[in-house]
Amino acid sequence: SESWFSSSVVPFRIVFLMWAVFYLQYVLGWPMS
């Protein structure tokens, strides 16, 4: 890979999805179980 930034794009996207799902679960009260 060219740089650390370009190599961290996919992991940051997955982490964003993890935090978004947790936000929906915790703040909005959606049952993700």
PDB file of all heavy atoms in Angstrom:
ATOM      1  N   SER A   1       0.818  -1.196   0.000  1.00  0.00           N
ATOM      2  CA  SER A   1       0.000   0.000   0.000  1.00  0.00           C
ATOM      3  C   SER A   1       0.858   1.254   0.000  1.00  0.00           C
ATOM      4  O   SER A   1       2.014   1.242   0.383  1.00  0.00           O
ATOM      5  CB  SER A   1      -0.908  -0.014   1.225  1.00  0.00           C
ATOM      6  OG  SER A   1      -1.794   1.067   1.182  1.00  0.00           O
ATOM      7  N   GLU A   2       0.277   2.368  -0.427  1.00  0.00           N
ATOM      8  CA  GLU A   2       1.035   3.606  -0.548  1.00  0.00           C
ATOM      9  C   GLU A   2       1.253   4.304   0.799  1.00  0.00           C
ATOM     10  O   GLU A   2       2.316   4.817   1.057  1.00  0.00           O
ATOM     11  CB  GLU A   2       0.324   4.541  -1.506  1.00  0.00           C
ATOM     12  CG  GLU A   2       0.275   4.028  -2.925  1.00  0.00           C
ATOM     13  CD  GLU A   2      -0.480   4.967  -3.832  1.00  0.00           C
ATOM     14  OE1 GLU A   2      -0.707   6.128  -3.456  1.00  0.00           O
ATOM     15  OE2 GLU A   2      -0.854   4.535  -4.914  1.00  0.00           O
ATOM     16  N   SER A   3       0.226   4.336   1.631  1.00  0.00           N
ATOM     17  CA  SER A   3       0.361   5.070   2.890  1.00  0.00           C
ATOM     18  C   SER A   3      -0.532   4.432   3.950  1.00  0.00           C
ATOM     19  O   SER A   3      -1.401   3.621   3.664  1.00  0.00           O
ATOM     20  CB  SER A   3      -0.029   6.527   2.688  1.00  0.00           C
ATOM     21  OG  SER A   3      -1.422   6.636   2.470  1.00  0.00           O
ATOM     22  N   TRP A   4      -0.307   4.858   5.183  1.00  0.00           N
ATOM     23  CA  TRP A   4      -1.150   4.382   6.287  1.00  0.00           C
ATOM     24  C   TRP A   4      -2.582   4.847   6.110  1.00  0.00           C
ATOM     25  O   TRP A   4      -3.513   4.136   6.458  1.00  0.00           O
ATOM     26  CB  TRP A   4      -0.613   4.881   7.623  1.00  0.00           C
ATOM     27  CG  TRP A   4       0.549   4.100   8.113  1.00  0.00           C
ATOM     28  CD1 TRP A   4       1.850   4.492   8.122  1.00  0.00           C
ATOM     29  CD2 TRP A   4       0.526   2.772   8.640  1.00  0.00           C
ATOM     30  NE1 TRP A   4       2.641   3.487   8.627  1.00  0.00           N
ATOM     31  CE2 TRP A   4       1.848   2.421   8.951  1.00  0.00           C
ATOM     32  CE3 TRP A   4      -0.479   1.854   8.878  1.00  0.00           C
ATOM     33  CZ2 TRP A   4       2.192   1.197   9.493  1.00  0.00           C
ATOM     34  CZ3 TRP A   4      -0.150   0.624   9.407  1.00  0.00           C
ATOM     35  CH2 TRP A   4       1.175   0.310   9.710  1.00  0.00           C
ATOM     36  N   PHE A   5      -2.747   6.052   5.579  1.00  0.00           N
ATOM     37  CA  PHE A   5      -4.104   6.572   5.393  1.00  0.00           C
ATOM     38  C   PHE A   5      -4.902   5.728   4.411  1.00  0.00           C
ATOM     39  O   PHE A   5      -6.027   5.338   4.685  1.00  0.00           O
ATOM     40  CB  PHE A   5      -4.055   8.029   4.920  1.00  0.00           C
ATOM     41  CG  PHE A   5      -5.411   8.607   4.694  1.00  0.00           C
ATOM     42  CD1 PHE A   5      -6.218   8.967   5.763  1.00  0.00           C
ATOM     43  CD2 PHE A   5      -5.897   8.773   3.411  1.00  0.00           C
ATOM     44  CE1 PHE A   5      -7.480   9.481   5.553  1.00  0.00           C
ATOM     45  CE2 PHE A   5      -7.155   9.287   3.192  1.00  0.00           C
ATOM     46  CZ  PHE A   5      -7.953   9.644   4.268  1.00  0.00           C
ATOM     47  N   SER A   6      -4.308   5.419   3.274  1.00  0.00           N
ATOM     48  CA  SER A   6      -5.028   4.621   2.277  1.00  0.00           C
ATOM     49  C   SER A   6      -5.242   3.189   2.744  1.00  0.00           C
ATOM     50  O   SER A   6      -6.209   2.545   2.341  1.00  0.00           O
ATOM     51  CB  SER A   6      -4.293   4.644   0.941  1.00  0.00           C
ATOM     52  OG  SER A   6      -3.042   4.022   1.049  1.00  0.00           O
ATOM     53  N   SER A   7      -4.385   2.702   3.606  1.00  0.00           N
ATOM     54  CA  SER A   7      -4.555   1.334   4.084  1.00  0.00           C
ATOM     55  C   SER A   7      -5.572   1.240   5.215  1.00  0.00           C
ATOM     56  O   SER A   7      -5.981   0.146   5.588  1.00  0.00           O
ATOM     57  CB  SER A   7      -3.223   0.758   4.545  1.00  0.00           C
ATOM     58  OG  SER A   7      -2.733   1.475   5.652  1.00  0.00           O
ATOM     59  N   SER A   8      -6.003   2.365   5.756  1.00  0.00           N
ATOM     60  CA  SER A   8      -6.957   2.320   6.864  1.00  0.00           C
ATOM     61  C   SER A   8      -8.378   2.678   6.451  1.00  0.00           C
ATOM     62  O   SER A   8      -9.254   2.786   7.308  1.00  0.00           O
ATOM     63  CB  SER A   8      -6.492   3.246   7.987  1.00  0.00           C
ATOM     64  OG  SER A   8      -6.454   4.574   7.534  1.00  0.00           O
ATOM     65  N   VAL A   9      -8.639   2.842   5.175  1.00  0.00           N
ATOM     66  CA  VAL A   9      -9.974   3.229   4.709  1.00  0.00           C
ATOM     67  C   VAL A   9     -11.003   2.146   5.026  1.00  0.00           C
ATOM     68  O   VAL A   9     -12.058   2.430   5.604  1.00  0.00           O
ATOM     69  CB  VAL A   9      -9.950   3.562   3.199  1.00  0.00           C
ATOM     70  CG1 VAL A   9     -11.355   3.736   2.663  1.00  0.00           C
ATOM     71  CG2 VAL A   9      -9.121   4.798   2.953  1.00  0.00           C
ATOM     72  N   VAL A  10     -10.746   0.921   4.652  1.00  0.00           N
ATOM     73  CA  VAL A  10     -11.701  -0.167   4.886  1.00  0.00           C
ATOM     74  C   VAL A  10     -11.913  -0.417   6.379  1.00  0.00           C
ATOM     75  O   VAL A  10     -13.063  -0.514   6.823  1.00  0.00           O
ATOM     76  CB  VAL A  10     -11.268  -1.455   4.154  1.00  0.00           C
ATOM     77  CG1 VAL A  10     -12.158  -2.633   4.521  1.00  0.00           C
ATOM     78  CG2 VAL A  10     -11.276  -1.227   2.654  1.00  0.00           C
ATOM     79  N   PRO A  11     -10.866  -0.504   7.202  1.00  0.00           N
ATOM     80  CA  PRO A  11     -11.113  -0.669   8.644  1.00  0.00           C
ATOM     81  C   PRO A  11     -11.923   0.474   9.256  1.00  0.00           C
ATOM     82  O   PRO A  11     -12.790   0.233  10.100  1.00  0.00           O
ATOM     83  CB  PRO A  11      -9.705  -0.722   9.240  1.00  0.00           C
ATOM     84  CG  PRO A  11      -8.858  -1.243   8.144  1.00  0.00           C
ATOM     85  CD  PRO A  11      -9.443  -0.658   6.897  1.00  0.00           C
ATOM     86  N   PHE A  12     -11.699   1.711   8.815  1.00  0.00           N
ATOM     87  CA  PHE A  12     -12.493   2.826   9.332  1.00  0.00           C
ATOM     88  C   PHE A  12     -13.953   2.720   8.911  1.00  0.00           C
ATOM     89  O   PHE A  12     -14.851   3.085   9.664  1.00  0.00           O
ATOM     90  CB  PHE A  12     -11.911   4.167   8.888  1.00  0.00           C
ATOM     91  CG  PHE A  12     -10.941   4.747   9.873  1.00  0.00           C
ATOM     92  CD1 PHE A  12      -9.586   4.733   9.607  1.00  0.00           C
ATOM     93  CD2 PHE A  12     -11.380   5.290  11.062  1.00  0.00           C
ATOM     94  CE1 PHE A  12      -8.681   5.251  10.512  1.00  0.00           C
ATOM     95  CE2 PHE A  12     -10.489   5.814  11.975  1.00  0.00           C
ATOM     96  CZ  PHE A  12      -9.128   5.796  11.701  1.00  0.00           C
ATOM     97  N   ARG A  13     -14.201   2.216   7.731  1.00  0.00           N
ATOM     98  CA  ARG A  13     -15.594   2.022   7.287  1.00  0.00           C
ATOM     99  C   ARG A  13     -16.299   0.968   8.135  1.00  0.00           C
ATOM    100  O   ARG A  13     -17.457   1.139   8.507  1.00  0.00           O
ATOM    101  CB  ARG A  13     -15.630   1.636   5.815  1.00  0.00           C
ATOM    102  CG  ARG A  13     -15.299   2.774   4.902  1.00  0.00           C
ATOM    103  CD  ARG A  13     -15.336   2.348   3.458  1.00  0.00           C
ATOM    104  NE  ARG A  13     -14.979   3.477   2.597  1.00  0.00           N
ATOM    105  CZ  ARG A  13     -14.789   3.379   1.314  1.00  0.00           C
ATOM    106  NH1 ARG A  13     -14.911   2.213   0.701  1.00  0.00           N
ATOM    107  NH2 ARG A  13     -14.471   4.438   0.607  1.00  0.00           N
ATOM    108  N   ILE A  14     -15.617  -0.121   8.424  1.00  0.00           N
ATOM    109  CA  ILE A  14     -16.209  -1.161   9.264  1.00  0.00           C
ATOM    110  C   ILE A  14     -16.455  -0.634  10.675  1.00  0.00           C
ATOM    111  O   ILE A  14     -17.510  -0.878  11.270  1.00  0.00           O
ATOM    112  CB  ILE A  14     -15.308  -2.416   9.299  1.00  0.00           C
ATOM    113  CG1 ILE A  14     -15.164  -3.017   7.897  1.00  0.00           C
ATOM    114  CG2 ILE A  14     -15.837  -3.444  10.280  1.00  0.00           C
ATOM    115  CD1 ILE A  14     -16.455  -3.534   7.306  1.00  0.00           C
ATOM    116  N   VAL A  15     -15.511   0.112  11.213  1.00  0.00           N
ATOM    117  CA  VAL A  15     -15.670   0.693  12.550  1.00  0.00           C
ATOM    118  C   VAL A  15     -16.830   1.686  12.551  1.00  0.00           C
ATOM    119  O   VAL A  15     -17.618   1.733  13.493  1.00  0.00           O
ATOM    120  CB  VAL A  15     -14.358   1.354  13.024  1.00  0.00           C
ATOM    121  CG1 VAL A  15     -14.583   2.236  14.232  1.00  0.00           C
ATOM    122  CG2 VAL A  15     -13.336   0.270  13.335  1.00  0.00           C
ATOM    123  N   PHE A  16     -16.967   2.460  11.485  1.00  0.00           N
ATOM    124  CA  PHE A  16     -18.102   3.375  11.391  1.00  0.00           C
ATOM    125  C   PHE A  16     -19.415   2.607  11.425  1.00  0.00           C
ATOM    126  O   PHE A  16     -20.367   3.019  12.115  1.00  0.00           O
ATOM    127  CB  PHE A  16     -18.007   4.213  10.113  1.00  0.00           C
ATOM    128  CG  PHE A  16     -19.199   5.090   9.900  1.00  0.00           C
ATOM    129  CD1 PHE A  16     -19.341   6.271  10.610  1.00  0.00           C
ATOM    130  CD2 PHE A  16     -20.191   4.724   9.009  1.00  0.00           C
ATOM    131  CE1 PHE A  16     -20.451   7.079  10.431  1.00  0.00           C
ATOM    132  CE2 PHE A  16     -21.305   5.524   8.820  1.00  0.00           C
ATOM    133  CZ  PHE A  16     -21.437   6.708   9.533  1.00  0.00           C
ATOM    134  N   LEU A  17     -19.497   1.505  10.696  1.00  0.00           N
ATOM    135  CA  LEU A  17     -20.710   0.685  10.719  1.00  0.00           C
ATOM    136  C   LEU A  17     -20.982   0.118  12.116  1.00  0.00           C
ATOM    137  O   LEU A  17     -22.134   0.086  12.563  1.00  0.00           O
ATOM    138  CB  LEU A  17     -20.598  -0.461   9.712  1.00  0.00           C
ATOM    139  CG  LEU A  17     -20.801  -0.110   8.265  1.00  0.00           C
ATOM    140  CD1 LEU A  17     -20.519  -1.329   7.382  1.00  0.00           C
ATOM    141  CD2 LEU A  17     -22.211   0.374   8.030  1.00  0.00           C
ATOM    142  N   MET A  18     -19.922  -0.321  12.798  1.00  0.00           N
ATOM    143  CA  MET A  18     -20.098  -0.856  14.148  1.00  0.00           C
ATOM    144  C   MET A  18     -20.659   0.214  15.076  1.00  0.00           C
ATOM    145  O   MET A  18     -21.584  -0.053  15.848  1.00  0.00           O
ATOM    146  CB  MET A  18     -18.757  -1.377  14.688  1.00  0.00           C
ATOM    147  CG  MET A  18     -18.279  -2.634  14.020  1.00  0.00           C
ATOM    148  SD  MET A  18     -16.605  -3.244  14.417  1.00  0.00           S
ATOM    149  CE  MET A  18     -16.077  -2.388  15.841  1.00  0.00           C
ATOM    150  N   TRP A  19     -20.107   1.431  15.006  1.00  0.00           N
ATOM    151  CA  TRP A  19     -20.579   2.513  15.867  1.00  0.00           C
ATOM    152  C   TRP A  19     -21.980   2.973  15.467  1.00  0.00           C
ATOM    153  O   TRP A  19     -22.787   3.332  16.324  1.00  0.00           O
ATOM    154  CB  TRP A  19     -19.591   3.679  15.847  1.00  0.00           C
ATOM    155  CG  TRP A  19     -18.424   3.427  16.738  1.00  0.00           C
ATOM    156  CD1 TRP A  19     -17.252   2.812  16.392  1.00  0.00           C
ATOM    157  CD2 TRP A  19     -18.319   3.722  18.134  1.00  0.00           C
ATOM    158  NE1 TRP A  19     -16.422   2.735  17.489  1.00  0.00           N
ATOM    159  CE2 TRP A  19     -17.050   3.293  18.565  1.00  0.00           C
ATOM    160  CE3 TRP A  19     -19.172   4.326  19.049  1.00  0.00           C
ATOM    161  CZ2 TRP A  19     -16.625   3.436  19.872  1.00  0.00           C
ATOM    162  CZ3 TRP A  19     -18.740   4.479  20.359  1.00  0.00           C
ATOM    163  CH2 TRP A  19     -17.483   4.030  20.762  1.00  0.00           C
ATOM    164  N   ALA A  20     -22.299   2.978  14.183  1.00  0.00           N
ATOM    165  CA  ALA A  20     -23.637   3.367  13.732  1.00  0.00           C
ATOM    166  C   ALA A  20     -24.686   2.381  14.217  1.00  0.00           C
ATOM    167  O   ALA A  20     -25.763   2.779  14.680  1.00  0.00           O
ATOM    168  CB  ALA A  20     -23.666   3.482  12.208  1.00  0.00           C
ATOM    169  N   VAL A  21     -24.383   1.099  14.141  1.00  0.00           N
ATOM    170  CA  VAL A  21     -25.321   0.083  14.629  1.00  0.00           C
ATOM    171  C   VAL A  21     -25.497   0.209  16.140  1.00  0.00           C
ATOM    172  O   VAL A  21     -26.615   0.130  16.647  1.00  0.00           O
ATOM    173  CB  VAL A  21     -24.833  -1.336  14.237  1.00  0.00           C
ATOM    174  CG1 VAL A  21     -25.607  -2.405  14.963  1.00  0.00           C
ATOM    175  CG2 VAL A  21     -24.939  -1.529  12.742  1.00  0.00           C
ATOM    176  N   PHE A  22     -24.409   0.454  16.852  1.00  0.00           N
ATOM    177  CA  PHE A  22     -24.517   0.638  18.302  1.00  0.00           C
ATOM    178  C   PHE A  22     -25.331   1.880  18.633  1.00  0.00           C
ATOM    179  O   PHE A  22     -26.130   1.869  19.571  1.00  0.00           O
ATOM    180  CB  PHE A  22     -23.138   0.724  18.951  1.00  0.00           C
ATOM    181  CG  PHE A  22     -23.204   0.770  20.449  1.00  0.00           C
ATOM    182  CD1 PHE A  22     -23.447  -0.386  21.172  1.00  0.00           C
ATOM    183  CD2 PHE A  22     -23.049   1.968  21.129  1.00  0.00           C
ATOM    184  CE1 PHE A  22     -23.527  -0.357  22.553  1.00  0.00           C
ATOM    185  CE2 PHE A  22     -23.125   2.008  22.503  1.00  0.00           C
ATOM    186  CZ  PHE A  22     -23.358   0.848  23.221  1.00  0.00           C
ATOM    187  N   TYR A  23     -25.169   2.951  17.867  1.00  0.00           N
ATOM    188  CA  TYR A  23     -25.951   4.168  18.070  1.00  0.00           C
ATOM    189  C   TYR A  23     -27.433   3.879  17.902  1.00  0.00           C
ATOM    190  O   TYR A  23     -28.258   4.294  18.721  1.00  0.00           O
ATOM    191  CB  TYR A  23     -25.494   5.249  17.092  1.00  0.00           C
ATOM    192  CG  TYR A  23     -26.311   6.513  17.175  1.00  0.00           C
ATOM    193  CD1 TYR A  23     -26.038   7.460  18.143  1.00  0.00           C
ATOM    194  CD2 TYR A  23     -27.351   6.761  16.283  1.00  0.00           C
ATOM    195  CE1 TYR A  23     -26.783   8.622  18.230  1.00  0.00           C
ATOM    196  CE2 TYR A  23     -28.103   7.911  16.360  1.00  0.00           C
ATOM    197  CZ  TYR A  23     -27.815   8.842  17.338  1.00  0.00           C
ATOM    198  OH  TYR A  23     -28.576   9.987  17.419  1.00  0.00           O
ATOM    199  N   LEU A  24     -27.790   3.183  16.838  1.00  0.00           N
ATOM    200  CA  LEU A  24     -29.195   2.836  16.612  1.00  0.00           C
ATOM    201  C   LEU A  24     -29.742   1.964  17.731  1.00  0.00           C
ATOM    202  O   LEU A  24     -30.887   2.128  18.159  1.00  0.00           O
ATOM    203  CB  LEU A  24     -29.349   2.125  15.270  1.00  0.00           C
ATOM    204  CG  LEU A  24     -29.044   2.954  14.032  1.00  0.00           C
ATOM    205  CD1 LEU A  24     -29.093   2.073  12.791  1.00  0.00           C
ATOM    206  CD2 LEU A  24     -30.018   4.108  13.917  1.00  0.00           C
ATOM    207  N   GLN A  25     -28.912   1.064  18.201  1.00  0.00           N
ATOM    208  CA  GLN A  25     -29.325   0.154  19.263  1.00  0.00           C
ATOM    209  C   GLN A  25     -29.491   0.884  20.596  1.00  0.00           C
ATOM    210  O   GLN A  25     -30.501   0.726  21.268  1.00  0.00           O
ATOM    211  CB  GLN A  25     -28.303  -0.964  19.416  1.00  0.00           C
ATOM    212  CG  GLN A  25     -28.574  -1.912  20.548  1.00  0.00           C
ATOM    213  CD  GLN A  25     -27.466  -2.939  20.687  1.00  0.00           C
ATOM    214  OE1 GLN A  25     -26.579  -3.037  19.860  1.00  0.00           O
ATOM    215  NE2 GLN A  25     -27.513  -3.707  21.744  1.00  0.00           N
ATOM    216  N   TYR A  26     -28.523   1.677  20.960  1.00  0.00           N
ATOM    217  CA  TYR A  26     -28.492   2.272  22.297  1.00  0.00           C
ATOM    218  C   TYR A  26     -29.322   3.546  22.399  1.00  0.00           C
ATOM    219  O   TYR A  26     -30.158   3.681  23.284  1.00  0.00           O
ATOM    220  CB  TYR A  26     -27.041   2.549  22.691  1.00  0.00           C
ATOM    221  CG  TYR A  26     -26.880   3.002  24.112  1.00  0.00           C
ATOM    222  CD1 TYR A  26     -26.996   2.099  25.165  1.00  0.00           C
ATOM    223  CD2 TYR A  26     -26.617   4.334  24.410  1.00  0.00           C
ATOM    224  CE1 TYR A  26     -26.852   2.514  26.471  1.00  0.00           C
ATOM    225  CE2 TYR A  26     -26.470   4.751  25.713  1.00  0.00           C
ATOM    226  CZ  TYR A  26     -26.592   3.837  26.739  1.00  0.00           C
ATOM    227  OH  TYR A  26     -26.456   4.253  28.025  1.00  0.00           O
ATOM    228  N   VAL A  27     -29.117   4.479  21.486  1.00  0.00           N
ATOM    229  CA  VAL A  27     -29.771   5.781  21.580  1.00  0.00           C
ATOM    230  C   VAL A  27     -31.222   5.725  21.116  1.00  0.00           C
ATOM    231  O   VAL A  27     -32.113   6.276  21.769  1.00  0.00           O
ATOM    232  CB  VAL A  27     -28.972   6.841  20.796  1.00  0.00           C
ATOM    233  CG1 VAL A  27     -29.685   8.172  20.778  1.00  0.00           C
ATOM    234  CG2 VAL A  27     -27.579   6.989  21.382  1.00  0.00           C
ATOM    235  N   LEU A  28     -31.474   5.067  20.012  1.00  0.00           N
ATOM    236  CA  LEU A  28     -32.831   5.017  19.485  1.00  0.00           C
ATOM    237  C   LEU A  28     -33.649   3.849  20.036  1.00  0.00           C
ATOM    238  O   LEU A  28     -34.850   3.777  19.812  1.00  0.00           O
ATOM    239  CB  LEU A  28     -32.803   4.952  17.962  1.00  0.00           C
ATOM    240  CG  LEU A  28     -32.128   6.147  17.263  1.00  0.00           C
ATOM    241  CD1 LEU A  28     -32.142   5.958  15.768  1.00  0.00           C
ATOM    242  CD2 LEU A  28     -32.808   7.451  17.655  1.00  0.00           C
ATOM    243  N   GLY A  29     -32.985   2.931  20.722  1.00  0.00           N
ATOM    244  CA  GLY A  29     -33.685   1.819  21.341  1.00  0.00           C
ATOM    245  C   GLY A  29     -34.100   0.708  20.399  1.00  0.00           C
ATOM    246  O   GLY A  29     -35.013  -0.046  20.697  1.00  0.00           O
ATOM    247  N   TRP A  30     -33.434   0.609  19.268  1.00  0.00           N
ATOM    248  CA  TRP A  30     -33.752  -0.461  18.330  1.00  0.00           C
ATOM    249  C   TRP A  30     -33.136  -1.764  18.832  1.00  0.00           C
ATOM    250  O   TRP A  30     -31.955  -1.826  19.123  1.00  0.00           O
ATOM    251  CB  TRP A  30     -33.227  -0.147  16.948  1.00  0.00           C
ATOM    252  CG  TRP A  30     -33.947   0.982  16.275  1.00  0.00           C
ATOM    253  CD1 TRP A  30     -34.948   1.740  16.796  1.00  0.00           C
ATOM    254  CD2 TRP A  30     -33.711   1.481  14.966  1.00  0.00           C
ATOM    255  NE1 TRP A  30     -35.345   2.682  15.905  1.00  0.00           N
ATOM    256  CE2 TRP A  30     -34.612   2.546  14.762  1.00  0.00           C
ATOM    257  CE3 TRP A  30     -32.836   1.142  13.958  1.00  0.00           C
ATOM    258  CZ2 TRP A  30     -34.652   3.264  13.586  1.00  0.00           C
ATOM    259  CZ3 TRP A  30     -32.880   1.861  12.784  1.00  0.00           C
ATOM    260  CH2 TRP A  30     -33.784   2.893  12.602  1.00  0.00           C
ATOM    261  N   PRO A  31     -33.902  -2.833  18.917  1.00  0.00           N
ATOM    262  CA  PRO A  31     -33.357  -4.117  19.401  1.00  0.00           C
ATOM    263  C   PRO A  31     -32.547  -4.829  18.319  1.00  0.00           C
ATOM    264  O   PRO A  31     -33.097  -5.435  17.414  1.00  0.00           O
ATOM    265  CB  PRO A  31     -34.606  -4.920  19.760  1.00  0.00           C
ATOM    266  CG  PRO A  31     -35.667  -4.362  18.864  1.00  0.00           C
ATOM    267  CD  PRO A  31     -35.330  -2.911  18.642  1.00  0.00           C
ATOM    268  N   MET A  32     -31.241  -4.743  18.408  1.00  0.00           N
ATOM    269  CA  MET A  32     -30.371  -5.376  17.419  1.00  0.00           C
ATOM    270  C   MET A  32     -30.114  -6.849  17.726  1.00  0.00           C
ATOM    271  O   MET A  32     -29.553  -7.547  16.899  1.00  0.00           O
ATOM    272  CB  MET A  32     -29.044  -4.631  17.316  1.00  0.00           C
ATOM    273  CG  MET A  32     -29.168  -3.236  16.796  1.00  0.00           C
ATOM    274  SD  MET A  32     -29.762  -3.259  15.106  1.00  0.00           S
ATOM    275  CE  MET A  32     -30.005  -1.530  14.832  1.00  0.00           C
ATOM    276  N   SER A  33     -30.519  -7.296  18.897  1.00  0.00           N
ATOM    277  CA  SER A  33     -30.307  -8.702  19.229  1.00  0.00           C
ATOM    278  C   SER A  33     -31.106  -9.622  18.319  1.00  0.00           C
ATOM    279  O   SER A  33     -30.784 -10.802  18.190  1.00  0.00           O
ATOM    280  CB  SER A  33     -30.671  -8.955  20.686  1.00  0.00           C
ATOM    281  OG  SER A  33     -32.037  -8.659  20.903  1.00  0.00           O
TER     282      SER A  33
END
